[in-house]
């Protein structure tokens, strides 16, 4: 089984595919929000940093945890519209 590492989150390829196809493309972690992307050329999933908190003292979740959100939930969490739905 292929294990993908996106930031501090480790996912199996099948789990990343389920999240991606269900619309929950955003991983909210302690210190960043990552977007799950798919590369057809390499037939794999990868992540990129979408946003980090402005202050070092601000965090999105408790340390060691992550949540998978859709675009509307990320906008709600941030309090402004960053992503188009």
Protein backbone atom coordinates (compact mmCIF):
# COMPACT_ATOMS: atom_id res chain seq x y z
CA UNK A 1 0.00 0.00 0.00
CA UNK A 2 1.25 3.44 -0.89
CA UNK A 3 1.46 5.92 1.97
CA UNK A 4 1.25 9.61 1.09
CA UNK A 5 2.55 12.31 3.39
CA UNK A 6 0.82 15.68 3.16
CA UNK A 7 2.30 17.98 5.76
CA UNK A 8 2.16 16.00 8.99
CA UNK A 9 -0.71 13.79 7.76
CA UNK A 10 -0.05 10.29 6.46
CA UNK A 11 -2.76 8.77 4.25
CA UNK A 12 -3.06 5.64 2.18
CA UNK A 13 -3.60 6.32 -1.51
CA UNK A 14 -7.10 4.80 -1.29
CA UNK A 15 -8.01 7.14 1.59
CA UNK A 16 -6.73 10.18 -0.31
CA UNK A 17 -8.79 9.11 -3.32
CA UNK A 18 -11.95 8.79 -1.19
CA UNK A 19 -11.45 12.26 0.28
CA UNK A 20 -10.67 13.79 -3.11
CA UNK A 21 -13.68 12.28 -4.87
CA UNK A 22 -16.06 13.09 -2.01
CA UNK A 23 -15.15 16.80 -2.21
CA UNK A 24 -13.26 16.93 1.09
CA UNK A 25 -10.05 18.09 -0.58
CA UNK A 26 -8.75 20.21 2.31
CA UNK A 27 -6.82 18.86 5.29
CA UNK A 28 -6.93 21.15 8.32
CA UNK A 29 -3.98 20.55 10.64
CA UNK A 30 -2.43 22.28 13.64
CA UNK A 31 -0.39 24.79 11.67
CA UNK A 32 -1.71 24.78 8.08
CA UNK A 33 -4.51 23.95 5.68
CA UNK A 34 -3.45 21.70 2.80
CA UNK A 35 -5.20 21.03 -0.49
CA UNK A 36 -5.20 17.49 -1.91
CA UNK A 37 -4.42 17.44 -5.65
CA UNK A 38 -4.24 14.65 -8.22
CA UNK A 39 -1.57 14.30 -10.90
CA UNK A 40 -2.78 12.31 -13.91
CA UNK A 41 0.72 12.14 -15.38
CA UNK A 42 2.13 10.43 -12.28
CA UNK A 43 -1.18 8.82 -11.23
CA UNK A 44 -0.77 9.94 -7.62
CA UNK A 45 -2.15 12.33 -5.06
CA UNK A 46 -0.12 15.10 -3.45
CA UNK A 47 -0.72 18.08 -1.22
CA UNK A 48 0.11 21.75 -1.29
CA UNK A 49 -0.09 24.37 1.44
CA UNK A 50 -3.17 26.52 1.03
CA UNK A 51 -2.78 28.85 4.02
CA UNK A 52 -0.98 29.16 7.35
CA UNK A 53 -2.04 31.27 10.36
CA UNK A 54 -0.74 34.83 10.39
CA UNK A 55 0.45 34.59 14.00
CA UNK A 56 2.63 31.81 15.36
CA UNK A 57 0.31 31.54 18.37
CA UNK A 58 -2.79 30.79 16.25
CA UNK A 59 -3.65 27.21 15.36
CA UNK A 60 -6.45 25.48 13.46
CA UNK A 61 -6.73 22.23 15.49
CA UNK A 62 -5.18 20.54 18.48
CA UNK A 63 -1.64 19.29 17.93
CA UNK A 64 -1.52 15.87 16.25
CA UNK A 65 -5.04 16.00 14.83
CA UNK A 66 -6.41 16.76 11.39
CA UNK A 67 -9.80 17.14 9.76
CA UNK A 68 -10.90 16.77 6.14
CA UNK A 69 -13.13 19.67 5.04
CA UNK A 70 -14.85 20.79 1.88
CA UNK A 71 -14.48 24.34 0.50
CA UNK A 72 -17.54 25.74 2.30
CA UNK A 73 -16.30 24.45 5.66
CA UNK A 74 -12.84 25.93 5.15
CA UNK A 75 -14.39 29.31 4.34
CA UNK A 76 -16.53 29.06 7.50
CA UNK A 77 -13.49 28.12 9.61
CA UNK A 78 -11.46 31.07 8.33
CA UNK A 79 -14.34 33.52 8.61
CA UNK A 80 -13.97 34.82 5.04
CA UNK A 81 -14.29 33.46 1.51
CA UNK A 82 -10.95 32.08 0.41
CA UNK A 83 -12.20 29.25 -1.82
CA UNK A 84 -14.84 29.15 -4.53
CA UNK A 85 -17.39 26.44 -3.97
